[in-house]
PDB file of N, CA and C in Angstrom:
ATOM      1  N   GLY A   1      68.583 125.204 -29.836  1.00  0.00           N
ATOM      2  CA  GLY A   1      69.389 123.588 -28.481  1.00  0.00           C
ATOM      3  C   GLY A   1      67.960 123.254 -28.038  1.00  0.00           C
ATOM      4  N   ASN A   2      66.968 123.931 -27.814  1.00  0.00           N
ATOM      5  CA  ASN A   2      65.364 123.490 -27.028  1.00  0.00           C
ATOM      6  C   ASN A   2      65.619 122.095 -27.528  1.00  0.00           C
ATOM      7  N   ILE A   3      64.905 120.891 -26.374  1.00  0.00           N
ATOM      8  CA  ILE A   3      65.188 119.991 -26.962  1.00  0.00           C
ATOM      9  C   ILE A   3      62.820 119.604 -26.162  1.00  0.00           C
ATOM     10  N   TYR A   4      62.313 118.698 -27.161  1.00  0.00           N
ATOM     11  CA  TYR A   4      61.052 118.289 -26.431  1.00  0.00           C
ATOM     12  C   TYR A   4      60.829 116.865 -26.618  1.00  0.00           C
ATOM     13  N   SER A   5      60.173 116.109 -26.278  1.00  0.00           N
ATOM     14  CA  SER A   5      59.550 115.192 -26.691  1.00  0.00           C
ATOM     15  C   SER A   5      58.279 115.043 -25.986  1.00  0.00           C
ATOM     16  N   SER A   6      57.403 113.946 -27.152  1.00  0.00           N
ATOM     17  CA  SER A   6      56.290 113.078 -26.827  1.00  0.00           C
ATOM     18  C   SER A   6      55.600 112.141 -27.446  1.00  0.00           C
ATOM     19  N   SER A   7      55.675 111.231 -26.701  1.00  0.00           N
ATOM     20  CA  SER A   7      54.549 110.105 -26.957  1.00  0.00           C
ATOM     21  C   SER A   7      52.960 109.768 -26.637  1.00  0.00           C
ATOM     22  N   LYS A   8      53.090 108.486 -27.439  1.00  0.00           N
ATOM     23  CA  LYS A   8      51.538 107.912 -27.251  1.00  0.00           C
ATOM     24  C   LYS A   8      51.639 107.250 -25.529  1.00  0.00           C
ATOM     25  N   ALA A   9      50.596 106.770 -24.879  1.00  0.00           N
ATOM     26  CA  ALA A   9      51.155 107.038 -23.855  1.00  0.00           C
ATOM     27  C   ALA A   9      51.783 104.985 -23.818  1.00  0.00           C
ATOM     28  N   GLY A  10      52.689 104.929 -23.375  1.00  0.00           N
ATOM     29  CA  GLY A  10      53.340 103.586 -22.794  1.00  0.00           C
ATOM     30  C   GLY A  10      54.127 103.902 -24.031  1.00  0.00           C
ATOM     31  N   GLY A  11      54.743 104.056 -25.069  1.00  0.00           N
ATOM     32  CA  GLY A  11      55.186 103.910 -25.875  1.00  0.00           C
ATOM     33  C   GLY A  11      56.787 104.832 -25.758  1.00  0.00           C
ATOM     34  N   LYS A  12      57.498 104.923 -27.306  1.00  0.00           N
ATOM     35  CA  LYS A  12      58.935 105.453 -26.877  1.00  0.00           C
ATOM     36  C   LYS A  12      59.066 107.068 -27.231  1.00  0.00           C
ATOM     37  N   PRO A  13      59.215 107.812 -26.825  1.00  0.00           N
ATOM     38  CA  PRO A  13      59.150 109.512 -27.072  1.00  0.00           C
ATOM     39  C   PRO A  13      59.479 109.223 -28.150  1.00  0.00           C
ATOM     40  N   ASP A  14      58.815 110.295 -29.135  1.00  0.00           N
ATOM     41  CA  ASP A  14      59.957 110.846 -30.170  1.00  0.00           C
ATOM     42  C   ASP A  14      61.159 112.105 -29.937  1.00  0.00           C
ATOM     43  N   ARG A  15      61.699 112.832 -30.531  1.00  0.00           N
ATOM     44  CA  ARG A  15      62.531 114.040 -29.946  1.00  0.00           C
ATOM     45  C   ARG A  15      62.716 114.560 -30.678  1.00  0.00           C
ATOM     46  N   LEU A  16      62.054 115.972 -30.469  1.00  0.00           N
ATOM     47  CA  LEU A  16      62.584 117.171 -31.674  1.00  0.00           C
ATOM     48  C   LEU A  16      63.660 118.693 -30.936  1.00  0.00           C
ATOM     49  N   THR A  17      64.823 118.686 -31.524  1.00  0.00           N
ATOM     50  CA  THR A  17      65.153 119.666 -31.180  1.00  0.00           C
ATOM     51  C   THR A  17      65.526 121.069 -31.946  1.00  0.00           C
ATOM     52  N   ILE A  18      64.984 122.191 -31.526  1.00  0.00           N
ATOM     53  CA  ILE A  18      65.457 123.109 -32.075  1.00  0.00           C
ATOM     54  C   ILE A  18      66.682 123.702 -32.344  1.00  0.00           C
ATOM     55  N   THR A  19      67.086 124.307 -33.647  1.00  0.00           N
ATOM     56  CA  THR A  19      68.334 123.895 -34.095  1.00  0.00           C
ATOM     57  C   THR A  19      68.348 125.806 -34.603  1.00  0.00           C
ATOM     58  N   SER A  20      67.669 126.009 -34.626  1.00  0.00           N
ATOM     59  CA  SER A  20      67.570 127.744 -35.069  1.00  0.00           C
ATOM     60  C   SER A  20      66.167 127.833 -35.045  1.00  0.00           C
ATOM     61  N   LEU A  21      66.002 129.499 -34.802  1.00  0.00           N
ATOM     62  CA  LEU A  21      64.734 129.732 -34.477  1.00  0.00           C
ATOM     63  C   LEU A  21      65.397 131.529 -34.864  1.00  0.00           C
ATOM     64  N   THR A  22      64.365 132.286 -36.266  1.00  0.00           N
ATOM     65  CA  THR A  22      64.631 133.518 -36.182  1.00  0.00           C
ATOM     66  C   THR A  22      63.509 134.048 -36.205  1.00  0.00           C
ATOM     67  N   PRO A  23      62.607 135.034 -34.844  1.00  0.00           N
ATOM     68  CA  PRO A  23      61.397 135.450 -34.838  1.00  0.00           C
ATOM     69  C   PRO A  23      60.625 135.697 -35.664  1.00  0.00           C
ATOM     70  N   ASN A  24      59.975 135.539 -36.287  1.00  0.00           N
ATOM     71  CA  ASN A  24      58.677 136.181 -37.331  1.00  0.00           C
ATOM     72  C   ASN A  24      59.752 135.390 -38.963  1.00  0.00           C
ATOM     73  N   GLU A  25      60.668 134.585 -38.647  1.00  0.00           N
ATOM     74  CA  GLU A  25      61.494 134.550 -40.289  1.00  0.00           C
ATOM     75  C   GLU A  25      60.819 133.170 -40.296  1.00  0.00           C
ATOM     76  N   SER A  26      61.719 132.215 -39.713  1.00  0.00           N
ATOM     77  CA  SER A  26      62.176 131.293 -39.397  1.00  0.00           C
ATOM     78  C   SER A  26      62.308 130.068 -38.011  1.00  0.00           C
ATOM     79  N   ILE A  27      62.276 128.684 -38.348  1.00  0.00           N
ATOM     80  CA  ILE A  27      62.319 127.852 -37.296  1.00  0.00           C
ATOM     81  C   ILE A  27      63.320 126.965 -38.144  1.00  0.00           C
ATOM     82  N   ASP A  28      64.193 126.192 -37.656  1.00  0.00           N
ATOM     83  CA  ASP A  28      64.802 124.625 -38.073  1.00  0.00           C
ATOM     84  C   ASP A  28      64.903 123.638 -36.924  1.00  0.00           C
ATOM     85  N   PHE A  29      64.857 122.764 -36.841  1.00  0.00           N
ATOM     86  CA  PHE A  29      64.351 121.995 -36.052  1.00  0.00           C
ATOM     87  C   PHE A  29      64.754 120.375 -36.643  1.00  0.00           C
ATOM     88  N   HIS A  30      65.501 119.543 -35.957  1.00  0.00           N
ATOM     89  CA  HIS A  30      65.744 117.995 -35.997  1.00  0.00           C
ATOM     90  C   HIS A  30      65.008 117.242 -35.240  1.00  0.00           C
ATOM     91  N   TRP A  31      64.171 116.206 -35.845  1.00  0.00           N
ATOM     92  CA  TRP A  31      63.184 115.729 -35.611  1.00  0.00           C
ATOM     93  C   TRP A  31      63.519 113.565 -35.008  1.00  0.00           C
ATOM     94  N   GLU A  32      64.030 113.413 -33.822  1.00  0.00           N
ATOM     95  CA  GLU A  32      64.308 112.266 -34.299  1.00  0.00           C
ATOM     96  C   GLU A  32      63.045 111.053 -33.579  1.00  0.00           C
ATOM     97  N   GLN A  33      62.492 110.071 -34.544  1.00  0.00           N
ATOM     98  CA  GLN A  33      61.322 109.489 -33.944  1.00  0.00           C
ATOM     99  C   GLN A  33      61.606 108.094 -33.435  1.00  0.00           C
ATOM    100  N   ALA A  34      60.575 107.916 -33.352  1.00  0.00           N
ATOM    101  CA  ALA A  34      60.845 106.577 -32.330  1.00  0.00           C
ATOM    102  C   ALA A  34      61.002 105.418 -33.151  1.00  0.00           C
ATOM    103  N   ASN A  35      60.332 105.270 -33.917  1.00  0.00           N
ATOM    104  CA  ASN A  35      60.960 104.477 -35.056  1.00  0.00           C
ATOM    105  C   ASN A  35      62.136 104.599 -36.655  1.00  0.00           C
ATOM    106  N   LYS A  36      62.905 105.545 -35.790  1.00  0.00           N
ATOM    107  CA  LYS A  36      64.099 105.480 -36.113  1.00  0.00           C
ATOM    108  C   LYS A  36      64.347 106.397 -37.265  1.00  0.00           C
ATOM    109  N   TRP A  37      63.278 107.319 -37.197  1.00  0.00           N
ATOM    110  CA  TRP A  37      63.818 108.140 -39.050  1.00  0.00           C
ATOM    111  C   TRP A  37      64.537 109.397 -37.817  1.00  0.00           C
ATOM    112  N   GLU A  38      64.915 109.930 -38.971  1.00  0.00           N
ATOM    113  CA  GLU A  38      65.545 111.162 -37.693  1.00  0.00           C
ATOM    114  C   GLU A  38      65.671 111.997 -39.489  1.00  0.00           C
ATOM    115  N   LEU A  39      64.950 113.701 -39.032  1.00  0.00           N
ATOM    116  CA  LEU A  39      64.340 114.268 -40.262  1.00  0.00           C
ATOM    117  C   LEU A  39      65.134 115.337 -39.589  1.00  0.00           C
ATOM    118  N   ASP A  40      65.088 116.608 -40.457  1.00  0.00           N
ATOM    119  CA  ASP A  40      66.089 118.176 -40.544  1.00  0.00           C
ATOM    120  C   ASP A  40      64.609 118.503 -41.319  1.00  0.00           C
ATOM    121  N   TRP A  41      64.401 119.562 -40.198  1.00  0.00           N
ATOM    122  CA  TRP A  41      63.013 120.493 -41.254  1.00  0.00           C
ATOM    123  C   TRP A  41      63.534 122.027 -41.102  1.00  0.00           C
ATOM    124  N   GLN A  42      62.864 122.892 -42.064  1.00  0.00           N
ATOM    125  CA  GLN A  42      62.745 124.218 -42.212  1.00  0.00           C
ATOM    126  C   GLN A  42      61.902 124.792 -42.803  1.00  0.00           C
ATOM    127  N   MET A  43      60.826 125.965 -41.597  1.00  0.00           N
ATOM    128  CA  MET A  43      59.713 126.419 -42.279  1.00  0.00           C
ATOM    129  C   MET A  43      59.915 127.813 -41.551  1.00  0.00           C
ATOM    130  N   SER A  44      59.557 128.138 -42.980  1.00  0.00           N
ATOM    131  CA  SER A  44      59.645 129.894 -42.742  1.00  0.00           C
ATOM    132  C   SER A  44      59.028 130.649 -43.331  1.00  0.00           C
ATOM    133  N   ILE A  45      58.312 132.256 -43.193  1.00  0.00           N
ATOM    134  CA  ILE A  45      57.223 133.002 -43.598  1.00  0.00           C
ATOM    135  C   ILE A  45      57.741 134.604 -43.844  1.00  0.00           C
ATOM    136  N   SER A  46      56.905 134.371 -44.731  1.00  0.00           N
ATOM    137  CA  SER A  46      57.569 135.956 -45.680  1.00  0.00           C
ATOM    138  C   SER A  46      56.044 136.431 -46.035  1.00  0.00           C
ATOM    139  N   PRO A  47      55.897 138.061 -46.267  1.00  0.00           N
ATOM    140  CA  PRO A  47      55.259 138.727 -46.506  1.00  0.00           C
ATOM    141  C   PRO A  47      54.681 138.434 -48.044  1.00  0.00           C
ATOM    142  N   ASP A  48      53.437 138.108 -48.674  1.00  0.00           N
ATOM    143  CA  ASP A  48      53.446 137.947 -50.263  1.00  0.00           C
ATOM    144  C   ASP A  48      52.095 138.623 -50.453  1.00  0.00           C
ATOM    145  N   GLY A  49      52.048 140.103 -51.193  1.00  0.00           N
ATOM    146  CA  GLY A  49      51.057 140.647 -50.955  1.00  0.00           C
ATOM    147  C   GLY A  49      49.721 140.741 -49.796  1.00  0.00           C
ATOM    148  N   ASP A  50      48.797 140.238 -49.912  1.00  0.00           N
ATOM    149  CA  ASP A  50      48.225 140.471 -48.760  1.00  0.00           C
ATOM    150  C   ASP A  50      48.085 139.288 -47.715  1.00  0.00           C
ATOM    151  N   VAL A  51      49.139 138.191 -47.999  1.00  0.00           N
ATOM    152  CA  VAL A  51      49.156 136.789 -47.015  1.00  0.00           C
ATOM    153  C   VAL A  51      50.044 137.029 -46.506  1.00  0.00           C
ATOM    154  N   THR A  52      50.029 135.901 -46.177  1.00  0.00           N
ATOM    155  CA  THR A  52      51.761 135.251 -45.709  1.00  0.00           C
ATOM    156  C   THR A  52      52.423 134.007 -46.081  1.00  0.00           C
ATOM    157  N   LYS A  53      53.149 133.869 -46.864  1.00  0.00           N
ATOM    158  CA  LYS A  53      53.442 132.457 -47.295  1.00  0.00           C
ATOM    159  C   LYS A  53      54.582 131.916 -46.342  1.00  0.00           C
ATOM    160  N   VAL A  54      54.425 130.815 -46.767  1.00  0.00           N
ATOM    161  CA  VAL A  54      55.048 129.467 -45.734  1.00  0.00           C
ATOM    162  C   VAL A  54      55.589 128.179 -46.552  1.00  0.00           C
ATOM    163  N   GLU A  55      56.760 128.628 -46.326  1.00  0.00           N
ATOM    164  CA  GLU A  55      57.467 127.407 -46.994  1.00  0.00           C
ATOM    165  C   GLU A  55      58.068 126.149 -46.151  1.00  0.00           C
ATOM    166  N   ARG A  56      58.397 125.080 -46.538  1.00  0.00           N
ATOM    167  CA  ARG A  56      58.910 124.255 -45.590  1.00  0.00           C
ATOM    168  C   ARG A  56      59.406 123.163 -46.628  1.00  0.00           C
ATOM    169  N   THR A  57      60.921 123.139 -45.423  1.00  0.00           N
ATOM    170  CA  THR A  57      61.425 121.907 -46.740  1.00  0.00           C
ATOM    171  C   THR A  57      62.242 120.430 -45.272  1.00  0.00           C
ATOM    172  N   VAL A  58      62.079 119.716 -46.055  1.00  0.00           N
ATOM    173  CA  VAL A  58      62.361 118.045 -45.105  1.00  0.00           C
ATOM    174  C   VAL A  58      63.710 117.711 -45.811  1.00  0.00           C
ATOM    175  N   ARG A  59      64.436 116.939 -45.235  1.00  0.00           N
ATOM    176  CA  ARG A  59      65.514 116.181 -45.455  1.00  0.00           C
ATOM    177  C   ARG A  59      64.962 115.085 -44.368  1.00  0.00           C
ATOM    178  N   ILE A  60      65.470 114.159 -45.474  1.00  0.00           N
ATOM    179  CA  ILE A  60      65.645 112.749 -44.568  1.00  0.00           C
ATOM    180  C   ILE A  60      66.638 112.311 -44.055  1.00  0.00           C
ATOM    181  N   THR A  61      67.255 112.562 -42.699  1.00  0.00           N
ATOM    182  CA  THR A  61      68.857 112.324 -42.544  1.00  0.00           C
ATOM    183  C   THR A  61      69.647 110.824 -41.947  1.00  0.00           C
ATOM    184  N   THR A  62      68.341 110.061 -41.387  1.00  0.00           N
ATOM    185  CA  THR A  62      68.820 108.550 -41.102  1.00  0.00           C
ATOM    186  C   THR A  62      66.918 107.986 -41.033  1.00  0.00           C
ATOM    187  N   ILE A  63      67.477 106.728 -41.751  1.00  0.00           N
ATOM    188  CA  ILE A  63      65.690 105.625 -41.359  1.00  0.00           C
ATOM    189  C   ILE A  63      67.044 104.729 -41.500  1.00  0.00           C
ATOM    190  N   PRO A  64      65.571 103.539 -40.939  1.00  0.00           N
ATOM    191  CA  PRO A  64      66.235 102.015 -40.587  1.00  0.00           C
ATOM    192  C   PRO A  64      66.669 101.852 -41.937  1.00  0.00           C
ATOM    193  N   TRP A  65      67.389 100.729 -42.107  1.00  0.00           N
ATOM    194  CA  TRP A  65      68.703 100.211 -43.440  1.00  0.00           C
ATOM    195  C   TRP A  65      67.196  99.665 -44.348  1.00  0.00           C
ATOM    196  N   TYR A  66      66.169  99.309 -43.306  1.00  0.00           N
ATOM    197  CA  TYR A  66      65.486  98.562 -44.479  1.00  0.00           C
ATOM    198  C   TYR A  66      64.189  99.257 -45.229  1.00  0.00           C
ATOM    199  N   MET A  67      64.452 100.643 -45.057  1.00  0.00           N
ATOM    200  CA  MET A  67      63.556 101.380 -45.379  1.00  0.00           C
ATOM    201  C   MET A  67      63.428 102.200 -46.437  1.00  0.00           C
ATOM    202  N   ALA A  68      65.115 101.688 -46.937  1.00  0.00           N
ATOM    203  CA  ALA A  68      65.878 102.710 -48.186  1.00  0.00           C
ATOM    204  C   ALA A  68      64.988 103.246 -49.600  1.00  0.00           C
ATOM    205  N   PRO A  69      64.473 102.164 -50.161  1.00  0.00           N
ATOM    206  CA  PRO A  69      63.751 102.531 -51.164  1.00  0.00           C
ATOM    207  C   PRO A  69      62.615 103.565 -50.721  1.00  0.00           C
ATOM    208  N   ILE A  70      62.136 103.391 -49.725  1.00  0.00           N
ATOM    209  CA  ILE A  70      61.601 104.953 -49.374  1.00  0.00           C
ATOM    210  C   ILE A  70      61.898 105.998 -49.915  1.00  0.00           C
ATOM    211  N   LYS A  71      63.177 106.150 -48.732  1.00  0.00           N
ATOM    212  CA  LYS A  71      64.267 107.343 -49.617  1.00  0.00           C
ATOM    213  C   LYS A  71      64.022 107.899 -50.408  1.00  0.00           C
ATOM    214  N   LEU A  72      64.794 107.171 -51.341  1.00  0.00           N
ATOM    215  CA  LEU A  72      64.619 107.071 -52.789  1.00  0.00           C
ATOM    216  C   LEU A  72      63.054 107.750 -53.134  1.00  0.00           C
ATOM    217  N   LEU A  73      62.168 106.906 -53.183  1.00  0.00           N
ATOM    218  CA  LEU A  73      61.277 107.676 -53.589  1.00  0.00           C
ATOM    219  C   LEU A  73      60.832 108.953 -53.215  1.00  0.00           C
ATOM    220  N   TYR A  74      61.047 109.301 -51.917  1.00  0.00           N
ATOM    221  CA  TYR A  74      60.527 110.153 -51.018  1.00  0.00           C
ATOM    222  C   TYR A  74      61.474 111.510 -51.644  1.00  0.00           C
ATOM    223  N   SER A  75      62.334 111.045 -51.835  1.00  0.00           N
ATOM    224  CA  SER A  75      62.543 112.179 -52.671  1.00  0.00           C
ATOM    225  C   SER A  75      63.315 112.829 -54.181  1.00  0.00           C
ATOM    226  N   MET A  76      62.649 111.807 -55.105  1.00  0.00           N
ATOM    227  CA  MET A  76      62.103 111.676 -55.867  1.00  0.00           C
ATOM    228  C   MET A  76      60.499 112.538 -55.337  1.00  0.00           C
ATOM    229  N   ALA A  77      59.706 112.563 -55.324  1.00  0.00           N
ATOM    230  CA  ALA A  77      58.223 112.657 -54.845  1.00  0.00           C
ATOM    231  C   ALA A  77      58.497 114.496 -54.527  1.00  0.00           C
ATOM    232  N   ALA A  78      59.712 115.023 -53.337  1.00  0.00           N
ATOM    233  CA  ALA A  78      60.227 115.748 -52.890  1.00  0.00           C
ATOM    234  C   ALA A  78      60.676 116.734 -53.796  1.00  0.00           C
ATOM    235  N   ALA A  79      61.302 116.472 -55.251  1.00  0.00           N
ATOM    236  CA  ALA A  79      61.622 117.751 -56.245  1.00  0.00           C
ATOM    237  C   ALA A  79      60.878 118.162 -56.720  1.00  0.00           C
ATOM    238  N   MET A  80      59.891 117.962 -57.203  1.00  0.00           N
ATOM    239  CA  MET A  80      58.477 118.916 -57.002  1.00  0.00           C
ATOM    240  C   MET A  80      58.116 119.504 -55.941  1.00  0.00           C
ATOM    241  N   ASP A  81      57.667 120.703 -56.874  1.00  0.00           N
ATOM    242  CA  ASP A  81      57.092 121.690 -55.630  1.00  0.00           C
ATOM    243  C   ASP A  81      55.438 121.326 -55.280  1.00  0.00           C
ATOM    244  N   ASP A  82      55.524 121.413 -54.283  1.00  0.00           N
ATOM    245  CA  ASP A  82      53.613 121.355 -54.260  1.00  0.00           C
ATOM    246  C   ASP A  82      52.893 121.802 -55.741  1.00  0.00           C
ATOM    247  N   LYS A  83      53.253 122.994 -56.177  1.00  0.00           N
ATOM    248  CA  LYS A  83      51.714 122.960 -56.826  1.00  0.00           C
ATOM    249  C   LYS A  83      51.923 122.722 -57.740  1.00  0.00           C
ATOM    250  N   LYS A  84      52.857 122.300 -58.413  1.00  0.00           N
ATOM    251  CA  LYS A  84      53.440 120.930 -59.331  1.00  0.00           C
ATOM    252  C   LYS A  84      53.141 119.372 -59.015  1.00  0.00           C
ATOM    253  N   LEU A  85      53.324 119.129 -57.818  1.00  0.00           N
ATOM    254  CA  LEU A  85      52.662 117.736 -57.241  1.00  0.00           C
ATOM    255  C   LEU A  85      51.063 117.703 -57.628  1.00  0.00           C
ATOM    256  N   THR A  86      50.439 119.453 -57.294  1.00  0.00           N
ATOM    257  CA  THR A  86      48.914 118.948 -57.325  1.00  0.00           C
ATOM    258  C   THR A  86      48.685 118.822 -58.431  1.00  0.00           C
ATOM    259  N   GLN A  87      49.474 119.390 -59.100  1.00  0.00           N
ATOM    260  CA  GLN A  87      48.335 119.522 -60.931  1.00  0.00           C
ATOM    261  C   GLN A  87      49.258 118.038 -61.687  1.00  0.00           C
ATOM    262  N   LYS A  88      50.132 117.943 -61.003  1.00  0.00           N
ATOM    263  CA  LYS A  88      50.425 116.523 -61.817  1.00  0.00           C
ATOM    264  C   LYS A  88      49.435 115.177 -61.266  1.00  0.00           C
ATOM    265  N   MET A  89      49.258 115.501 -59.913  1.00  0.00           N
ATOM    266  CA  MET A  89      48.072 114.454 -58.913  1.00  0.00           C
ATOM    267  C   MET A  89      47.356 114.437 -60.272  1.00  0.00           C
ATOM    268  N   LYS A  90      46.377 116.304 -60.273  1.00  0.00           N
ATOM    269  CA  LYS A  90      45.204 116.346 -60.557  1.00  0.00           C
ATOM    270  C   LYS A  90      45.051 115.917 -62.528  1.00  0.00           C
ATOM    271  N   ALA A  91      45.721 116.013 -63.129  1.00  0.00           N
ATOM    272  CA  ALA A  91      46.303 115.341 -64.265  1.00  0.00           C
ATOM    273  C   ALA A  91      45.644 113.510 -64.327  1.00  0.00           C
ATOM    274  N   ASP A  92      46.732 113.063 -63.397  1.00  0.00           N
ATOM    275  CA  ASP A  92      46.667 111.920 -63.455  1.00  0.00           C
ATOM    276  C   ASP A  92      45.123 111.520 -63.027  1.00  0.00           C
ATOM    277  N   LEU A  93      44.278 111.818 -62.194  1.00  0.00           N
ATOM    278  CA  LEU A  93      42.840 111.685 -62.019  1.00  0.00           C
ATOM    279  C   LEU A  93      42.364 111.588 -62.642  1.00  0.00           C
ATOM    280  N   GLU A  94      42.202 112.487 -63.293  1.00  0.00           N
ATOM    281  CA  GLU A  94      41.329 113.287 -64.628  1.00  0.00           C
ATOM    282  C   GLU A  94      41.910 112.483 -66.361  1.00  0.00           C
ATOM    283  N   GLY A  95      43.133 112.038 -66.025  1.00  0.00           N
ATOM    284  CA  GLY A  95      43.097 110.446 -67.335  1.00  0.00           C
ATOM    285  C   GLY A  95      43.251 111.731 -68.431  1.00  0.00           C
TER     286      GLY A  95
END
């Protein structure tokens, strides 16, 4: 439930609300942006051999009505995992 806000000088502040926190495992938060976008984020960490694996997911919960096509495009891109997206971008660039 902690709430934090920030903004550029003179700007309307964004607001970030911590919705869940499990120390050394995960953090969930809701982000209300000054431009009327709202997003739910989840970030988690876990051991993966000799390194630490960081996973993140984001879901757009509210956007201005005129941005609805962007939400559709984002949901299509977000459905791919990062590795597949990177491989697709590389293949597209290499032609």
